[in-house]
Amino acid sequence: ATWWLRWFKSGQMPTTIIEGCRFRFYLSDRVGTNRAAVIHGEEVAKVWLTPVGVEYNRGYNRAELNRIVRLAEANREELLQIWYESSAAGPKRAEAPVRPANGVRFASGMLYIKLTDGREIGVPLSRFL
């Protein structure tokens, strides 16, 4: 399959096109919400990039949505790079060292991970649905 990746800057919304799918990044998204809107006419889907998944879909059929997810997975690094460069997170910084987990707990719809350095991080379980 052939693909092409082209970078556009339309105002404040960086956009890239992969195999005819327009991935648009909204600068109003909060830091940490690395996602893109995929727009074609009246159809729109919001796709998470870490991990790749669909936040919502308005108008795409199942086959089209599966194709969008496959394109996002195959081009994830490029999409993340565009997101990092255009978002409030700023340019991607050097990766932090891996800090192993020391424990896991669930409470009030959250997943909490205790790190060996004493910190605890949490993420809503709804993020994985």
C-alpha atoms as a PDB file:
ATOM      1  CA  ALA A   1       0.000   0.000   0.000  1.00  0.00           C
ATOM      2  CA  THR A   2       1.267   3.434  -0.833  1.00  0.00           C
ATOM      3  CA  TRP A   3       1.014   6.223   1.662  1.00  0.00           C
ATOM      4  CA  TRP A   4       2.001   9.797   1.780  1.00  0.00           C
ATOM      5  CA  LEU A   5       2.408  12.111   4.652  1.00  0.00           C
ATOM      6  CA  ARG A   6       2.125  15.820   4.161  1.00  0.00           C
ATOM      7  CA  TRP A   7       2.307  18.542   6.784  1.00  0.00           C
ATOM      8  CA  PHE A   8      -0.001  21.538   6.677  1.00  0.00           C
ATOM      9  CA  LYS A   9      -0.331  24.418   9.068  1.00  0.00           C
ATOM     10  CA  SER A  10      -3.785  25.928   8.826  1.00  0.00           C
ATOM     11  CA  GLY A  11      -3.877  28.700  11.366  1.00  0.00           C
ATOM     12  CA  GLN A  12      -3.349  27.134  14.771  1.00  0.00           C
ATOM     13  CA  MET A  13      -4.390  23.575  13.826  1.00  0.00           C
ATOM     14  CA  PRO A  14      -1.520  21.458  12.497  1.00  0.00           C
ATOM     15  CA  THR A  15      -2.830  18.838  10.090  1.00  0.00           C
ATOM     16  CA  THR A  16      -1.266  15.880   8.341  1.00  0.00           C
ATOM     17  CA  ILE A  17      -2.798  13.666   5.671  1.00  0.00           C
ATOM     18  CA  ILE A  18      -2.073   9.943   5.589  1.00  0.00           C
ATOM     19  CA  GLU A  19      -3.589   7.934   2.735  1.00  0.00           C
ATOM     20  CA  GLY A  20      -6.386  10.479   2.349  1.00  0.00           C
ATOM     21  CA  CYS A  21      -7.214  10.689   6.078  1.00  0.00           C
ATOM     22  CA  ARG A  22      -6.779  14.155   7.561  1.00  0.00           C
ATOM     23  CA  PHE A  23      -5.361  13.981  11.118  1.00  0.00           C
ATOM     24  CA  ARG A  24      -5.841  17.359  12.829  1.00  0.00           C
ATOM     25  CA  PHE A  25      -4.320  18.397  16.157  1.00  0.00           C
ATOM     26  CA  TYR A  26      -6.138  20.965  18.294  1.00  0.00           C
ATOM     27  CA  LEU A  27      -3.895  23.223  20.349  1.00  0.00           C
ATOM     28  CA  SER A  28      -6.723  23.760  22.833  1.00  0.00           C
ATOM     29  CA  ASP A  29      -6.372  20.122  23.952  1.00  0.00           C
ATOM     30  CA  ARG A  30      -4.860  19.839  27.405  1.00  0.00           C
ATOM     31  CA  VAL A  31      -1.281  18.689  27.957  1.00  0.00           C
ATOM     32  CA  GLY A  32      -1.254  14.901  28.117  1.00  0.00           C
ATOM     33  CA  THR A  33      -4.226  14.429  25.803  1.00  0.00           C
ATOM     34  CA  ASN A  34      -2.229  13.233  22.822  1.00  0.00           C
ATOM     35  CA  ARG A  35      -5.012  12.673  20.366  1.00  0.00           C
ATOM     36  CA  ALA A  36      -6.015  13.728  16.883  1.00  0.00           C
ATOM     37  CA  ALA A  37      -9.291  14.377  15.123  1.00  0.00           C
ATOM     38  CA  VAL A  38      -9.704  12.517  11.825  1.00  0.00           C
ATOM     39  CA  ILE A  39     -11.981  14.522   9.557  1.00  0.00           C
ATOM     40  CA  HIS A  40     -13.554  13.762   6.183  1.00  0.00           C
ATOM     41  CA  GLY A  41     -16.508  15.898   5.157  1.00  0.00           C
ATOM     42  CA  GLU A  42     -19.082  15.653   7.960  1.00  0.00           C
ATOM     43  CA  GLU A  43     -17.440  12.547   9.458  1.00  0.00           C
ATOM     44  CA  VAL A  44     -15.166  12.983  12.472  1.00  0.00           C
ATOM     45  CA  ALA A  45     -13.472  10.621  14.895  1.00  0.00           C
ATOM     46  CA  LYS A  46     -11.173  11.489  17.792  1.00  0.00           C
ATOM     47  CA  VAL A  47      -8.265   9.033  18.096  1.00  0.00           C
ATOM     48  CA  TRP A  48      -5.967   8.564  21.100  1.00  0.00           C
ATOM     49  CA  LEU A  49      -2.313   8.056  20.170  1.00  0.00           C
ATOM     50  CA  THR A  50      -1.064   6.471  23.434  1.00  0.00           C
ATOM     51  CA  PRO A  51      -2.278   3.799  23.227  1.00  0.00           C
ATOM     52  CA  VAL A  52      -4.010   4.013  19.867  1.00  0.00           C
ATOM     53  CA  GLY A  53      -7.769   3.856  20.334  1.00  0.00           C
ATOM     54  CA  VAL A  54     -10.985   5.646  19.420  1.00  0.00           C
ATOM     55  CA  GLU A  55     -12.335   8.268  21.815  1.00  0.00           C
ATOM     56  CA  TYR A  56     -15.460   8.877  19.745  1.00  0.00           C
ATOM     57  CA  ASN A  57     -16.810   8.408  16.225  1.00  0.00           C
ATOM     58  CA  ARG A  58     -19.414  10.442  14.382  1.00  0.00           C
ATOM     59  CA  GLY A  59     -20.201   9.158  10.920  1.00  0.00           C
ATOM     60  CA  TYR A  60     -17.511   6.643   9.981  1.00  0.00           C
ATOM     61  CA  ASN A  61     -18.630   3.060   9.373  1.00  0.00           C
ATOM     62  CA  ARG A  62     -16.816   0.150  11.041  1.00  0.00           C
ATOM     63  CA  ALA A  63     -14.498  -0.551   8.070  1.00  0.00           C
ATOM     64  CA  GLU A  64     -13.502   3.131   7.779  1.00  0.00           C
ATOM     65  CA  LEU A  65     -12.884   3.380  11.522  1.00  0.00           C
ATOM     66  CA  ASN A  66     -10.755   0.206  11.504  1.00  0.00           C
ATOM     67  CA  ARG A  67      -8.704   1.690   8.646  1.00  0.00           C
ATOM     68  CA  ILE A  68      -8.174   4.920  10.622  1.00  0.00           C
ATOM     69  CA  VAL A  69      -6.987   2.951  13.664  1.00  0.00           C
ATOM     70  CA  ARG A  70      -4.579   0.907  11.490  1.00  0.00           C
ATOM     71  CA  LEU A  71      -3.189   4.112   9.939  1.00  0.00           C
ATOM     72  CA  ALA A  72      -2.754   5.686  13.384  1.00  0.00           C
ATOM     73  CA  GLU A  73      -0.940   2.573  14.651  1.00  0.00           C
ATOM     74  CA  ALA A  74       1.320   2.358  11.586  1.00  0.00           C
ATOM     75  CA  ASN A  75       2.195   6.082  11.752  1.00  0.00           C
ATOM     76  CA  ARG A  76       2.027   6.555  15.530  1.00  0.00           C
ATOM     77  CA  GLU A  77       5.564   7.905  15.969  1.00  0.00           C
ATOM     78  CA  GLU A  78       5.122  10.539  13.246  1.00  0.00           C
ATOM     79  CA  LEU A  79       1.717  11.549  14.647  1.00  0.00           C
ATOM     80  CA  LEU A  80       3.109  11.807  18.177  1.00  0.00           C
ATOM     81  CA  GLN A  81       6.005  13.926  16.936  1.00  0.00           C
ATOM     82  CA  ILE A  82       3.583  16.362  15.300  1.00  0.00           C
ATOM     83  CA  TRP A  83       1.483  16.412  18.463  1.00  0.00           C
ATOM     84  CA  TYR A  84       4.506  17.090  20.690  1.00  0.00           C
ATOM     85  CA  GLU A  85       5.799  19.852  18.406  1.00  0.00           C
ATOM     86  CA  SER A  86       2.437  21.582  18.117  1.00  0.00           C
ATOM     87  CA  SER A  87       0.890  21.082  21.561  1.00  0.00           C
ATOM     88  CA  ALA A  88       1.290  22.872  24.848  1.00  0.00           C
ATOM     89  CA  ALA A  89       3.723  20.072  25.752  1.00  0.00           C
ATOM     90  CA  GLY A  90       6.224  21.695  23.399  1.00  0.00           C
ATOM     91  CA  PRO A  91       8.927  19.789  21.535  1.00  0.00           C
ATOM     92  CA  LYS A  92       9.499  16.252  22.690  1.00  0.00           C
ATOM     93  CA  ARG A  93      12.093  16.120  25.396  1.00  0.00           C
ATOM     94  CA  ALA A  94      14.539  13.326  26.117  1.00  0.00           C
ATOM     95  CA  GLU A  95      12.774  10.290  27.478  1.00  0.00           C
ATOM     96  CA  ALA A  96      12.755  10.000  31.246  1.00  0.00           C
ATOM     97  CA  PRO A  97      14.451   6.931  32.716  1.00  0.00           C
ATOM     98  CA  VAL A  98      12.180   3.944  33.290  1.00  0.00           C
ATOM     99  CA  ARG A  99      10.975   3.752  36.873  1.00  0.00           C
ATOM    100  CA  PRO A 100       9.670   0.299  37.752  1.00  0.00           C
ATOM    101  CA  ALA A 101       6.357  -0.136  39.538  1.00  0.00           C
ATOM    102  CA  ASN A 102       6.257  -1.223  43.153  1.00  0.00           C
ATOM    103  CA  GLY A 103       2.520  -1.893  43.352  1.00  0.00           C
ATOM    104  CA  VAL A 104      -0.886  -1.306  41.808  1.00  0.00           C
ATOM    105  CA  ARG A 105      -4.249  -0.458  43.366  1.00  0.00           C
ATOM    106  CA  PHE A 106      -7.740   0.450  42.180  1.00  0.00           C
ATOM    107  CA  ALA A 107      -9.997   3.008  43.873  1.00  0.00           C
ATOM    108  CA  SER A 108     -12.959   5.164  42.823  1.00  0.00           C
ATOM    109  CA  GLY A 109     -12.688   4.342  39.111  1.00  0.00           C
ATOM    110  CA  MET A 110      -8.939   4.996  39.070  1.00  0.00           C
ATOM    111  CA  LEU A 111      -5.849   2.838  38.534  1.00  0.00           C
ATOM    112  CA  TYR A 112      -2.966   3.898  40.802  1.00  0.00           C
ATOM    113  CA  ILE A 113       0.612   2.740  40.270  1.00  0.00           C
ATOM    114  CA  LYS A 114       3.123   3.051  43.112  1.00  0.00           C
ATOM    115  CA  LEU A 115       6.625   3.696  41.764  1.00  0.00           C
ATOM    116  CA  THR A 116       9.814   2.502  43.455  1.00  0.00           C
ATOM    117  CA  ASP A 117      10.899   6.117  43.999  1.00  0.00           C
ATOM    118  CA  GLY A 118       7.884   6.663  46.279  1.00  0.00           C
ATOM    119  CA  ARG A 119       5.664   8.526  43.815  1.00  0.00           C
ATOM    120  CA  GLU A 120       2.200   7.323  42.892  1.00  0.00           C
ATOM    121  CA  ILE A 121       0.541   8.049  39.570  1.00  0.00           C
ATOM    122  CA  GLY A 122      -3.103   7.530  38.668  1.00  0.00           C
ATOM    123  CA  VAL A 123      -5.186   7.290  35.534  1.00  0.00           C
ATOM    124  CA  PRO A 124      -8.980   7.023  35.151  1.00  0.00           C
ATOM    125  CA  LEU A 125     -10.061   3.501  34.197  1.00  0.00           C
ATOM    126  CA  SER A 126     -12.410   5.045  31.609  1.00  0.00           C
ATOM    127  CA  ARG A 127      -9.270   5.883  29.604  1.00  0.00           C
ATOM    128  CA  PHE A 128      -8.907   2.171  28.796  1.00  0.00           C
ATOM    129  CA  LEU A 129     -12.487   1.555  27.626  1.00  0.00           C
END
